[in-house]
Amino acid sequence: MADTLQLVESPESTSGRRVASQFSPWQHVRDLYHETAWYQRKRQAKRARKVARRHQRDAEIVATVFGNDLTVRSGLFQGMRYIDSACGSHLLPKLLGSYEEQLFDWIKKFDGRYRTVINVGCAEGYFAVGLVFAGLTDRVLAYDIDPRAIALASQLAALNGLQDLIEFHSKCDHDELTSQIGPDTLIFCDIEGHELILLDPQKCPALRTCDIVFEAHDVLISELTDTITRRFNDTHEISVVYDTDRDRAQYPVLDGWPESIAEVVLDEERPIGMSWVRMLSRHGTAS
């Protein structure tokens, strides 16, 4: 695996080689605890309170910093008209255009390479709509199990006149992937740990022939990245990027605002060591 797994900007190692994860036996107990209904209810309630506070603060900053102009200001999707809500993430980095900027170099290479992007976990549509808006793909199949996310993403697509190029669906399973994966297809996935189930070439052999980018949630499931990448080690070239601090100087809209405001706008509130994985099929066309 060391021959194909390339790490970029790891917080644990600057040598470019992956450091084997060390987990205590108690982490297995932690994983089981995280799956309990009680923990999930507690987590959802805590998140709801946090989202409400964040939404109020976001509205104030949208009014002051962005002048209530809901347009993406920079980045790959600059000029895309946006909505006033986000699902499962934060609105301000998306309006700024800094959201998941670690992926920018990978996404730029989408241009003309993929006829179809399967976006699993599309939330309110930042990438599903943005990729078509920026001309980086011809068509997106967008999936999310949250009805509110699908409603907002549909609204975002219509707002930008792209509703005919993006299809929205709820459930995406192995049968759905098998029916939709074709030549020049990319899977773009962010599903809160369920990638461990979905990205299984034993259950969906078509995965061996397409390129995949997914947000890894090792913070929720121990050794998730290692488990998934082992499945694709023989068929894909694999690389990883890690979350890093943003440079406010890259975003002129923040000029003149105090650091405390800039930090709020740039903050995606990710756990330390959050990462994304790109797997390029040796059978496919990407490089």
C-alpha atoms as a PDB file:
ATOM      1  CA  MET A   1       0.000   0.000   0.000  1.00  0.00           C
ATOM      2  CA  ALA A   2       2.893   2.335   0.653  1.00  0.00           C
ATOM      3  CA  ASP A   3       3.700   2.284  -3.051  1.00  0.00           C
ATOM      4  CA  THR A   4       0.423   3.890  -4.076  1.00  0.00           C
ATOM      5  CA  LEU A   5      -0.735   5.873  -1.071  1.00  0.00           C
ATOM      6  CA  GLN A   6       0.598   9.417  -1.361  1.00  0.00           C
ATOM      7  CA  LEU A   7      -0.006  11.773   1.531  1.00  0.00           C
ATOM      8  CA  VAL A   8      -0.047  15.535   1.216  1.00  0.00           C
ATOM      9  CA  GLU A   9       0.272  17.913   4.158  1.00  0.00           C
ATOM     10  CA  SER A  10      -0.348  15.323   6.863  1.00  0.00           C
ATOM     11  CA  PRO A  11      -0.515  16.848  10.341  1.00  0.00           C
ATOM     12  CA  GLU A  12       1.344  13.824  11.661  1.00  0.00           C
ATOM     13  CA  SER A  13       4.083  13.483   9.107  1.00  0.00           C
ATOM     14  CA  THR A  14       5.865  15.757   6.645  1.00  0.00           C
ATOM     15  CA  SER A  15       7.812  12.968   5.001  1.00  0.00           C
ATOM     16  CA  GLY A  16       5.040  12.064   2.557  1.00  0.00           C
ATOM     17  CA  ARG A  17       4.607   8.609   4.054  1.00  0.00           C
ATOM     18  CA  ARG A  18       1.606   7.517   6.065  1.00  0.00           C
ATOM     19  CA  VAL A  19       2.147   6.885   9.751  1.00  0.00           C
ATOM     20  CA  ALA A  20       0.284   3.771  10.873  1.00  0.00           C
ATOM     21  CA  SER A  21      -2.653   4.666  13.084  1.00  0.00           C
ATOM     22  CA  GLN A  22      -2.455   3.467  16.652  1.00  0.00           C
ATOM     23  CA  PHE A  23      -5.772   2.805  18.330  1.00  0.00           C
ATOM     24  CA  SER A  24      -6.393   1.619  21.870  1.00  0.00           C
ATOM     25  CA  PRO A  25      -8.749  -1.325  22.469  1.00  0.00           C
ATOM     26  CA  TRP A  26     -11.201   1.123  24.008  1.00  0.00           C
ATOM     27  CA  GLN A  27     -11.753   2.798  20.650  1.00  0.00           C
ATOM     28  CA  HIS A  28     -13.733  -0.216  19.486  1.00  0.00           C
ATOM     29  CA  VAL A  29     -16.035   0.363  22.463  1.00  0.00           C
ATOM     30  CA  ARG A  30     -16.216   4.030  21.474  1.00  0.00           C
ATOM     31  CA  ASP A  31     -17.272   3.093  17.946  1.00  0.00           C
ATOM     32  CA  LEU A  32     -20.072   0.879  19.264  1.00  0.00           C
ATOM     33  CA  TYR A  33     -21.196   3.655  21.601  1.00  0.00           C
ATOM     34  CA  HIS A  34     -21.359   6.103  18.694  1.00  0.00           C
ATOM     35  CA  GLU A  35     -23.778   3.747  16.934  1.00  0.00           C
ATOM     36  CA  THR A  36     -26.322   3.688  19.764  1.00  0.00           C
ATOM     37  CA  ALA A  37     -29.659   5.437  19.304  1.00  0.00           C
ATOM     38  CA  TRP A  38     -29.146   7.371  22.543  1.00  0.00           C
ATOM     39  CA  TYR A  39     -25.855   8.813  21.371  1.00  0.00           C
ATOM     40  CA  GLN A  40     -27.288   9.709  17.965  1.00  0.00           C
ATOM     41  CA  ARG A  41     -30.226  11.556  19.565  1.00  0.00           C
ATOM     42  CA  LYS A  42     -27.880  13.400  21.895  1.00  0.00           C
ATOM     43  CA  ARG A  43     -25.579  14.306  19.003  1.00  0.00           C
ATOM     44  CA  GLN A  44     -28.469  15.539  16.861  1.00  0.00           C
ATOM     45  CA  ALA A  45     -29.889  17.701  19.657  1.00  0.00           C
ATOM     46  CA  LYS A  46     -26.508  19.237  20.396  1.00  0.00           C
ATOM     47  CA  ARG A  47     -25.950  19.870  16.719  1.00  0.00           C
ATOM     48  CA  ALA A  48     -29.368  21.514  16.347  1.00  0.00           C
ATOM     49  CA  ARG A  49     -28.570  23.995  19.114  1.00  0.00           C
ATOM     50  CA  LYS A  50     -25.189  24.716  17.592  1.00  0.00           C
ATOM     51  CA  VAL A  51     -26.657  25.178  14.108  1.00  0.00           C
ATOM     52  CA  ALA A  52     -29.240  27.651  15.441  1.00  0.00           C
ATOM     53  CA  ARG A  53     -26.532  29.777  17.047  1.00  0.00           C
ATOM     54  CA  ARG A  54     -24.382  29.605  13.953  1.00  0.00           C
ATOM     55  CA  HIS A  55     -27.289  30.537  11.677  1.00  0.00           C
ATOM     56  CA  GLN A  56     -27.970  33.701  13.664  1.00  0.00           C
ATOM     57  CA  ARG A  57     -24.305  34.706  13.575  1.00  0.00           C
ATOM     58  CA  ASP A  58     -24.070  33.877   9.855  1.00  0.00           C
ATOM     59  CA  ALA A  59     -27.043  36.120   9.071  1.00  0.00           C
ATOM     60  CA  GLU A  60     -25.343  39.028  10.803  1.00  0.00           C
ATOM     61  CA  ILE A  61     -22.100  38.501   8.864  1.00  0.00           C
ATOM     62  CA  VAL A  62     -23.912  38.026   5.548  1.00  0.00           C
ATOM     63  CA  ALA A  63     -25.482  41.432   6.136  1.00  0.00           C
ATOM     64  CA  THR A  64     -22.292  43.215   7.155  1.00  0.00           C
ATOM     65  CA  VAL A  65     -19.410  41.547   5.297  1.00  0.00           C
ATOM     66  CA  PHE A  66     -21.295  40.396   2.205  1.00  0.00           C
ATOM     67  CA  GLY A  67     -23.886  43.171   2.061  1.00  0.00           C
ATOM     68  CA  ASN A  68     -26.655  40.565   1.873  1.00  0.00           C
ATOM     69  CA  ASP A  69     -25.344  39.567  -1.560  1.00  0.00           C
ATOM     70  CA  LEU A  70     -25.704  35.782  -1.781  1.00  0.00           C
ATOM     71  CA  THR A  71     -23.139  35.285  -4.549  1.00  0.00           C
ATOM     72  CA  VAL A  72     -20.010  33.141  -4.268  1.00  0.00           C
ATOM     73  CA  ARG A  73     -17.183  35.678  -4.206  1.00  0.00           C
ATOM     74  CA  SER A  74     -14.114  33.670  -5.240  1.00  0.00           C
ATOM     75  CA  GLY A  75     -12.757  30.194  -5.875  1.00  0.00           C
ATOM     76  CA  LEU A  76     -13.859  27.640  -8.441  1.00  0.00           C
ATOM     77  CA  PHE A  77     -17.528  28.628  -8.323  1.00  0.00           C
ATOM     78  CA  GLN A  78     -17.112  32.401  -8.289  1.00  0.00           C
ATOM     79  CA  GLY A  79     -20.270  34.140  -9.469  1.00  0.00           C
ATOM     80  CA  MET A  80     -22.646  31.301  -8.603  1.00  0.00           C
ATOM     81  CA  ARG A  81     -25.817  32.599  -7.026  1.00  0.00           C
ATOM     82  CA  TYR A  82     -26.456  31.022  -3.650  1.00  0.00           C
ATOM     83  CA  ILE A  83     -29.169  30.448  -1.080  1.00  0.00           C
ATOM     84  CA  ASP A  84     -29.254  31.549   2.560  1.00  0.00           C
ATOM     85  CA  SER A  85     -28.904  28.080   4.102  1.00  0.00           C
ATOM     86  CA  ALA A  86     -26.471  25.191   4.256  1.00  0.00           C
ATOM     87  CA  CYS A  87     -27.081  21.565   5.261  1.00  0.00           C
ATOM     88  CA  GLY A  88     -24.540  19.874   7.506  1.00  0.00           C
ATOM     89  CA  SER A  89     -21.880  22.525   6.949  1.00  0.00           C
ATOM     90  CA  HIS A  90     -21.385  26.274   7.157  1.00  0.00           C
ATOM     91  CA  LEU A  91     -22.723  28.880   4.766  1.00  0.00           C
ATOM     92  CA  LEU A  92     -20.018  31.548   5.057  1.00  0.00           C
ATOM     93  CA  PRO A  93     -17.054  29.595   3.603  1.00  0.00           C
ATOM     94  CA  LYS A  94     -19.260  28.725   0.640  1.00  0.00           C
ATOM     95  CA  LEU A  95     -20.216  32.341   0.010  1.00  0.00           C
ATOM     96  CA  LEU A  96     -16.561  33.290   0.335  1.00  0.00           C
ATOM     97  CA  GLY A  97     -15.494  30.477  -2.009  1.00  0.00           C
ATOM     98  CA  SER A  98     -12.982  28.928   0.382  1.00  0.00           C
ATOM     99  CA  TYR A  99     -15.017  25.847   1.240  1.00  0.00           C
ATOM    100  CA  GLU A 100     -12.892  22.662   1.055  1.00  0.00           C
ATOM    101  CA  GLU A 101     -10.189  24.530  -0.834  1.00  0.00           C
ATOM    102  CA  GLN A 102      -7.878  21.542  -0.305  1.00  0.00           C
ATOM    103  CA  LEU A 103      -9.785  19.907  -3.158  1.00  0.00           C
ATOM    104  CA  PHE A 104      -9.311  22.749  -5.639  1.00  0.00           C
ATOM    105  CA  ASP A 105      -6.307  21.221  -7.415  1.00  0.00           C
ATOM    106  CA  TRP A 106      -8.120  17.921  -7.824  1.00  0.00           C
ATOM    107  CA  ILE A 107     -11.360  19.553  -8.961  1.00  0.00           C
ATOM    108  CA  LYS A 108      -9.634  21.698 -11.576  1.00  0.00           C
ATOM    109  CA  LYS A 109      -8.640  18.463 -13.291  1.00  0.00           C
ATOM    110  CA  PHE A 110     -12.296  17.505 -13.694  1.00  0.00           C
ATOM    111  CA  ASP A 111     -12.526  19.913 -16.645  1.00  0.00           C
ATOM    112  CA  GLY A 112     -13.709  17.877 -19.639  1.00  0.00           C
ATOM    113  CA  ARG A 113     -12.648  14.608 -18.016  1.00  0.00           C
ATOM    114  CA  TYR A 114     -15.960  13.392 -16.613  1.00  0.00           C
ATOM    115  CA  ARG A 115     -19.263  13.352 -18.442  1.00  0.00           C
ATOM    116  CA  THR A 116     -21.093  12.477 -15.256  1.00  0.00           C
ATOM    117  CA  VAL A 117     -20.378  13.158 -11.581  1.00  0.00           C
ATOM    118  CA  ILE A 118     -22.260  11.085  -9.020  1.00  0.00           C
ATOM    119  CA  ASN A 119     -22.418  13.328  -5.951  1.00  0.00           C
ATOM    120  CA  VAL A 120     -23.429  11.205  -2.967  1.00  0.00           C
ATOM    121  CA  GLY A 121     -24.259  13.359   0.041  1.00  0.00           C
ATOM    122  CA  CYS A 122     -24.903  16.513  -1.963  1.00  0.00           C
ATOM    123  CA  ALA A 123     -26.329  18.539   0.960  1.00  0.00           C
ATOM    124  CA  GLU A 124     -27.736  21.846  -0.368  1.00  0.00           C
ATOM    125  CA  GLY A 125     -25.849  21.432  -3.640  1.00  0.00           C
ATOM    126  CA  TYR A 126     -22.630  23.437  -3.372  1.00  0.00           C
ATOM    127  CA  PHE A 127     -20.644  20.920  -5.411  1.00  0.00           C
ATOM    128  CA  ALA A 128     -23.526  19.361  -7.338  1.00  0.00           C
ATOM    129  CA  VAL A 129     -24.535  22.722  -8.780  1.00  0.00           C
ATOM    130  CA  GLY A 130     -21.085  24.292  -8.665  1.00  0.00           C
ATOM    131  CA  LEU A 131     -19.413  21.662 -10.842  1.00  0.00           C
ATOM    132  CA  VAL A 132     -21.957  22.222 -13.613  1.00  0.00           C
ATOM    133  CA  PHE A 133     -21.943  25.999 -13.114  1.00  0.00           C
ATOM    134  CA  ALA A 134     -18.163  26.071 -13.577  1.00  0.00           C
ATOM    135  CA  GLY A 135     -18.348  23.863 -16.685  1.00  0.00           C
ATOM    136  CA  LEU A 136     -16.315  21.101 -15.030  1.00  0.00           C
ATOM    137  CA  THR A 137     -18.786  18.357 -15.923  1.00  0.00           C
ATOM    138  CA  ASP A 138     -21.775  17.936 -18.221  1.00  0.00           C
ATOM    139  CA  ARG A 139     -24.131  16.284 -15.779  1.00  0.00           C
ATOM    140  CA  VAL A 140     -24.512  15.569 -12.084  1.00  0.00           C
ATOM    141  CA  LEU A 141     -26.530  12.884 -10.352  1.00  0.00           C
ATOM    142  CA  ALA A 142     -26.991  14.192  -6.817  1.00  0.00           C
ATOM    143  CA  TYR A 143     -28.101  12.097  -3.832  1.00  0.00           C
ATOM    144  CA  ASP A 144     -29.007  12.920  -0.252  1.00  0.00           C
ATOM    145  CA  ILE A 145     -31.195  11.116   2.259  1.00  0.00           C
ATOM    146  CA  ASP A 146     -32.243  14.426   3.838  1.00  0.00           C
ATOM    147  CA  PRO A 147     -35.410  15.747   2.117  1.00  0.00           C
ATOM    148  CA  ARG A 148     -34.513  19.299   3.172  1.00  0.00           C
ATOM    149  CA  ALA A 149     -31.137  18.991   1.468  1.00  0.00           C
ATOM    150  CA  ILE A 150     -32.748  17.826  -1.775  1.00  0.00           C
ATOM    151  CA  ALA A 151     -35.273  20.677  -1.637  1.00  0.00           C
ATOM    152  CA  LEU A 152     -32.551  23.289  -1.103  1.00  0.00           C
ATOM    153  CA  ALA A 153     -30.275  21.774  -3.752  1.00  0.00           C
ATOM    154  CA  SER A 154     -33.116  21.798  -6.267  1.00  0.00           C
ATOM    155  CA  GLN A 155     -33.724  25.440  -5.384  1.00  0.00           C
ATOM    156  CA  LEU A 156     -30.043  26.241  -5.886  1.00  0.00           C
ATOM    157  CA  ALA A 157     -29.977  24.523  -9.277  1.00  0.00           C
ATOM    158  CA  ALA A 158     -33.045  26.453 -10.438  1.00  0.00           C
ATOM    159  CA  LEU A 159     -31.618  29.716  -9.111  1.00  0.00           C
ATOM    160  CA  ASN A 160     -28.670  29.243 -11.473  1.00  0.00           C
ATOM    161  CA  GLY A 161     -30.737  27.917 -14.393  1.00  0.00           C
ATOM    162  CA  LEU A 162     -29.140  24.466 -14.211  1.00  0.00           C
ATOM    163  CA  GLN A 163     -32.113  22.345 -13.194  1.00  0.00           C
ATOM    164  CA  ASP A 164     -32.055  20.396 -16.472  1.00  0.00           C
ATOM    165  CA  LEU A 165     -28.448  19.264 -15.975  1.00  0.00           C
ATOM    166  CA  ILE A 166     -28.723  17.962 -12.408  1.00  0.00           C
ATOM    167  CA  GLU A 167     -30.862  15.055 -11.256  1.00  0.00           C
ATOM    168  CA  PHE A 168     -31.732  14.764  -7.580  1.00  0.00           C
ATOM    169  CA  HIS A 169     -32.425  11.485  -5.808  1.00  0.00           C
ATOM    170  CA  SER A 170     -32.609  10.272  -2.221  1.00  0.00           C
ATOM    171  CA  LYS A 171     -31.056   6.850  -1.770  1.00  0.00           C
ATOM    172  CA  CYS A 172     -27.834   5.700  -3.398  1.00  0.00           C
ATOM    173  CA  ASP A 173     -26.866   2.054  -2.883  1.00  0.00           C
ATOM    174  CA  HIS A 174     -24.770  -0.517  -4.704  1.00  0.00           C
ATOM    175  CA  ASP A 175     -27.507  -1.294  -7.210  1.00  0.00           C
ATOM    176  CA  GLU A 176     -27.925   2.390  -8.001  1.00  0.00           C
ATOM    177  CA  LEU A 177     -24.182   2.852  -8.501  1.00  0.00           C
ATOM    178  CA  THR A 178     -24.030  -0.208 -10.736  1.00  0.00           C
ATOM    179  CA  SER A 179     -26.788   1.181 -12.940  1.00  0.00           C
ATOM    180  CA  GLN A 180     -25.303   4.690 -13.154  1.00  0.00           C
ATOM    181  CA  ILE A 181     -21.541   4.184 -13.431  1.00  0.00           C
ATOM    182  CA  GLY A 182     -20.437   4.428 -17.031  1.00  0.00           C
ATOM    183  CA  PRO A 183     -17.489   5.682 -19.053  1.00  0.00           C
ATOM    184  CA  ASP A 184     -16.009   8.923 -17.732  1.00  0.00           C
ATOM    185  CA  THR A 185     -17.848   8.810 -14.406  1.00  0.00           C
ATOM    186  CA  LEU A 186     -16.600  10.217 -11.099  1.00  0.00           C
ATOM    187  CA  ILE A 187     -18.028   9.495  -7.659  1.00  0.00           C
ATOM    188  CA  PHE A 188     -17.822  12.500  -5.322  1.00  0.00           C
ATOM    189  CA  CYS A 189     -18.829  11.360  -1.869  1.00  0.00           C
ATOM    190  CA  ASP A 190     -19.405  12.880   1.582  1.00  0.00           C
ATOM    191  CA  ILE A 191     -21.712  10.688   3.662  1.00  0.00           C
ATOM    192  CA  GLU A 192     -20.531  10.906   7.266  1.00  0.00           C
ATOM    193  CA  GLY A 193     -18.843   7.525   7.542  1.00  0.00           C
ATOM    194  CA  HIS A 194     -21.243   5.528   5.375  1.00  0.00           C
ATOM    195  CA  GLU A 195     -18.580   5.547   2.685  1.00  0.00           C
ATOM    196  CA  LEU A 196     -17.273   2.466   4.501  1.00  0.00           C
ATOM    197  CA  ILE A 197     -20.397   0.622   3.341  1.00  0.00           C
ATOM    198  CA  LEU A 198     -20.956   2.213  -0.061  1.00  0.00           C
ATOM    199  CA  LEU A 199     -17.405   2.112  -1.419  1.00  0.00           C
ATOM    200  CA  ASP A 200     -17.094  -1.667  -1.573  1.00  0.00           C
ATOM    201  CA  PRO A 201     -15.979  -3.116  -4.917  1.00  0.00           C
ATOM    202  CA  GLN A 202     -16.941  -6.605  -3.798  1.00  0.00           C
ATOM    203  CA  LYS A 203     -20.570  -5.492  -3.715  1.00  0.00           C
ATOM    204  CA  CYS A 204     -20.302  -3.052  -6.632  1.00  0.00           C
ATOM    205  CA  PRO A 205     -17.585  -4.205  -9.075  1.00  0.00           C
ATOM    206  CA  ALA A 206     -18.201  -1.145 -11.272  1.00  0.00           C
ATOM    207  CA  LEU A 207     -16.370   0.906  -8.632  1.00  0.00           C
ATOM    208  CA  ARG A 208     -13.116  -0.606  -9.869  1.00  0.00           C
ATOM    209  CA  THR A 209     -13.462   1.236 -13.179  1.00  0.00           C
ATOM    210  CA  CYS A 210     -14.311   4.759 -12.047  1.00  0.00           C
ATOM    211  CA  ASP A 211     -12.529   7.534 -10.185  1.00  0.00           C
ATOM    212  CA  ILE A 212     -13.595   8.364  -6.635  1.00  0.00           C
ATOM    213  CA  VAL A 213     -13.135  11.326  -4.308  1.00  0.00           C
ATOM    214  CA  PHE A 214     -14.474  10.989  -0.786  1.00  0.00           C
ATOM    215  CA  GLU A 215     -14.314  12.831   2.505  1.00  0.00           C
ATOM    216  CA  ALA A 216     -12.907  10.413   5.068  1.00  0.00           C
ATOM    217  CA  HIS A 217     -14.532  10.220   8.494  1.00  0.00           C
ATOM    218  CA  ASP A 218     -11.964   8.381  10.569  1.00  0.00           C
ATOM    219  CA  VAL A 219     -13.032  10.683  13.398  1.00  0.00           C
ATOM    220  CA  LEU A 220     -16.271   8.648  13.482  1.00  0.00           C
ATOM    221  CA  ILE A 221     -14.989   5.195  12.476  1.00  0.00           C
ATOM    222  CA  SER A 222     -11.518   4.027  13.418  1.00  0.00           C
ATOM    223  CA  GLU A 223      -9.218   3.131  10.488  1.00  0.00           C
ATOM    224  CA  LEU A 224     -11.906   3.931   7.924  1.00  0.00           C
ATOM    225  CA  THR A 225      -9.443   5.338   5.382  1.00  0.00           C
ATOM    226  CA  ASP A 226      -7.115   2.357   5.675  1.00  0.00           C
ATOM    227  CA  THR A 227     -10.004  -0.075   5.292  1.00  0.00           C
ATOM    228  CA  ILE A 228     -11.385   1.578   2.153  1.00  0.00           C
ATOM    229  CA  THR A 229      -8.049   2.193   0.454  1.00  0.00           C
ATOM    230  CA  ARG A 230      -7.016  -1.445   0.948  1.00  0.00           C
ATOM    231  CA  ARG A 231     -10.052  -2.436  -1.116  1.00  0.00           C
ATOM    232  CA  PHE A 232      -8.852  -0.314  -4.045  1.00  0.00           C
ATOM    233  CA  ASN A 233      -5.100  -0.663  -3.729  1.00  0.00           C
ATOM    234  CA  ASP A 234      -4.837  -3.059  -6.687  1.00  0.00           C
ATOM    235  CA  THR A 235      -7.077  -1.044  -9.016  1.00  0.00           C
ATOM    236  CA  HIS A 236      -6.485   2.630  -8.163  1.00  0.00           C
ATOM    237  CA  GLU A 237      -3.790   5.209  -7.591  1.00  0.00           C
ATOM    238  CA  ILE A 238      -4.536   6.721  -4.191  1.00  0.00           C
ATOM    239  CA  SER A 239      -3.674  10.078  -2.641  1.00  0.00           C
ATOM    240  CA  VAL A 240      -4.816  11.955   0.456  1.00  0.00           C
ATOM    241  CA  VAL A 241      -4.984  15.627   1.431  1.00  0.00           C
ATOM    242  CA  TYR A 242      -5.545  16.975   4.916  1.00  0.00           C
ATOM    243  CA  ASP A 243      -7.433  19.955   6.237  1.00  0.00           C
ATOM    244  CA  THR A 244      -5.223  23.013   6.768  1.00  0.00           C
ATOM    245  CA  ASP A 245      -5.632  26.593   7.920  1.00  0.00           C
ATOM    246  CA  ARG A 246      -6.969  29.103   5.383  1.00  0.00           C
ATOM    247  CA  ASP A 247      -5.048  32.224   4.331  1.00  0.00           C
ATOM    248  CA  ARG A 248      -7.367  35.236   4.565  1.00  0.00           C
ATOM    249  CA  ALA A 249      -5.089  37.175   2.188  1.00  0.00           C
ATOM    250  CA  GLN A 250      -6.409  35.023  -0.680  1.00  0.00           C
ATOM    251  CA  TYR A 251      -9.899  36.452  -0.171  1.00  0.00           C
ATOM    252  CA  PRO A 252     -10.166  40.219  -0.771  1.00  0.00           C
ATOM    253  CA  VAL A 253     -13.705  40.419   0.599  1.00  0.00           C
ATOM    254  CA  LEU A 254     -12.137  40.010   4.053  1.00  0.00           C
ATOM    255  CA  ASP A 255      -9.837  43.009   3.619  1.00  0.00           C
ATOM    256  CA  GLY A 256     -10.395  45.576   6.356  1.00  0.00           C
ATOM    257  CA  TRP A 257     -12.342  43.268   8.627  1.00  0.00           C
ATOM    258  CA  PRO A 258     -10.916  42.258  12.024  1.00  0.00           C
ATOM    259  CA  GLU A 259      -9.279  38.881  12.425  1.00  0.00           C
ATOM    260  CA  SER A 260     -12.126  37.692  14.647  1.00  0.00           C
ATOM    261  CA  ILE A 261     -14.586  38.146  11.757  1.00  0.00           C
ATOM    262  CA  ALA A 262     -12.246  36.577   9.195  1.00  0.00           C
ATOM    263  CA  GLU A 263     -11.806  33.527  11.406  1.00  0.00           C
ATOM    264  CA  VAL A 264     -15.568  33.004  11.610  1.00  0.00           C
ATOM    265  CA  VAL A 265     -16.015  33.321   7.846  1.00  0.00           C
ATOM    266  CA  LEU A 266     -13.174  30.899   7.088  1.00  0.00           C
ATOM    267  CA  ASP A 267     -13.924  28.393   9.844  1.00  0.00           C
ATOM    268  CA  GLU A 268     -15.467  25.106   8.685  1.00  0.00           C
ATOM    269  CA  GLU A 269     -15.192  23.698  12.225  1.00  0.00           C
ATOM    270  CA  ARG A 270     -13.557  20.458  11.179  1.00  0.00           C
ATOM    271  CA  PRO A 271     -11.851  18.025  13.553  1.00  0.00           C
ATOM    272  CA  ILE A 272      -8.050  18.041  13.502  1.00  0.00           C
ATOM    273  CA  GLY A 273      -6.696  15.680  10.870  1.00  0.00           C
ATOM    274  CA  MET A 274      -9.801  15.654   8.661  1.00  0.00           C
ATOM    275  CA  SER A 275      -8.879  14.338   5.233  1.00  0.00           C
ATOM    276  CA  TRP A 276     -10.085  13.647   1.709  1.00  0.00           C
ATOM    277  CA  VAL A 277      -9.078  10.710  -0.464  1.00  0.00           C
ATOM    278  CA  ARG A 278      -8.759  10.562  -4.238  1.00  0.00           C
ATOM    279  CA  MET A 279      -8.684   7.173  -5.955  1.00  0.00           C
ATOM    280  CA  LEU A 280      -7.945   7.196  -9.684  1.00  0.00           C
ATOM    281  CA  SER A 281      -8.800   3.997 -11.506  1.00  0.00           C
ATOM    282  CA  ARG A 282      -5.974   2.478 -13.532  1.00  0.00           C
ATOM    283  CA  HIS A 283      -8.744   1.259 -15.826  1.00  0.00           C
ATOM    284  CA  GLY A 284     -10.090   4.778 -16.370  1.00  0.00           C
ATOM    285  CA  THR A 285      -8.872   7.870 -18.181  1.00  0.00           C
ATOM    286  CA  ALA A 286      -7.916  10.137 -15.272  1.00  0.00           C
ATOM    287  CA  SER A 287      -4.326  10.772 -14.318  1.00  0.00           C
END
